[in-house]
Protein backbone atom coordinates (compact mmCIF):
# COMPACT_ATOMS: atom_id res chain seq x y z
CA UNK A 1 162.02 207.30 -95.19
CA UNK A 2 161.50 210.54 -97.06
CA UNK A 3 163.93 211.70 -99.70
CA UNK A 4 165.04 214.68 -97.58
CA UNK A 5 165.73 212.54 -94.50
CA UNK A 6 167.56 210.03 -96.68
CA UNK A 7 169.77 212.82 -98.08
CA UNK A 8 170.39 214.23 -94.62
CA UNK A 9 171.34 210.80 -93.33
CA UNK A 10 173.74 210.33 -96.26
CA UNK A 11 175.40 213.68 -95.57
CA UNK A 12 175.73 212.89 -91.87
CA UNK A 13 177.19 209.45 -92.59
CA UNK A 14 179.69 210.97 -95.02
CA UNK A 15 180.73 213.66 -92.56
CA UNK A 16 181.01 211.08 -89.78
CA UNK A 17 183.37 208.98 -91.92
CA UNK A 18 185.52 212.05 -92.62
CA UNK A 19 185.67 213.03 -88.95
CA UNK A 20 186.41 209.45 -87.82
CA UNK A 21 189.26 209.14 -90.34
CA UNK A 22 190.74 212.50 -89.35
CA UNK A 23 190.34 211.73 -85.65
CA UNK A 24 192.04 208.33 -85.96
CA UNK A 25 194.85 209.75 -88.10
CA UNK A 26 195.52 212.57 -85.64
CA UNK A 27 195.37 210.18 -82.68
CA UNK A 28 198.03 207.99 -84.25
CA UNK A 29 200.17 211.01 -85.19
CA UNK A 30 200.20 211.96 -81.51
CA UNK A 31 201.10 208.45 -80.38
CA UNK A 32 197.66 207.31 -79.23
CA UNK A 33 195.82 204.18 -80.25
CA UNK A 34 192.16 204.67 -81.20
CA UNK A 35 191.06 202.38 -78.36
CA UNK A 36 192.57 204.87 -75.90
CA UNK A 37 190.25 207.69 -76.98
CA UNK A 38 187.55 206.71 -74.50
CA UNK A 39 189.96 206.50 -71.56
CA UNK A 40 192.44 209.31 -72.15
CA UNK A 41 192.29 213.06 -71.67
CA UNK A 42 192.69 214.33 -75.22
CA UNK A 43 194.50 217.51 -76.31
CA UNK A 44 192.24 220.35 -77.52
CA UNK A 45 192.09 219.61 -81.27
CA UNK A 46 191.48 215.91 -80.67
CA UNK A 47 188.86 216.68 -78.04
CA UNK A 48 187.02 218.86 -80.57
CA UNK A 49 187.07 216.09 -83.18
CA UNK A 50 185.91 213.59 -80.58
CA UNK A 51 183.01 215.86 -79.60
CA UNK A 52 182.05 216.39 -83.25
CA UNK A 53 182.16 212.65 -83.86
CA UNK A 54 179.89 211.97 -80.89
CA UNK A 55 177.46 214.69 -81.98
CA UNK A 56 177.28 213.25 -85.50
CA UNK A 57 176.67 209.78 -84.09
CA UNK A 58 173.86 211.12 -81.89
CA UNK A 59 172.29 212.96 -84.84
CA UNK A 60 172.37 209.78 -86.92
CA UNK A 61 170.76 207.79 -84.12
CA UNK A 62 167.96 210.37 -83.90
CA UNK A 63 167.33 210.05 -87.64
CA UNK A 64 167.27 206.26 -87.40
CA UNK A 65 164.88 206.36 -84.43
CA UNK A 66 162.41 208.62 -86.24
CA UNK A 67 162.06 207.38 -89.81
């Protein structure tokens, strides 16, 4: 894996951790359990975090698939 891809992967993983922590915290603040996220219609701000999380996950998978 090249140095640039390795750095990009590290940044994506760091951002994903931040988004996941924020998403889970906000879910709990609104009375949801994290397991409900896949089955529940989420309010706007949570839906945006969910979408960002899924996009980051997809980007990481692409990097892993193409070393």
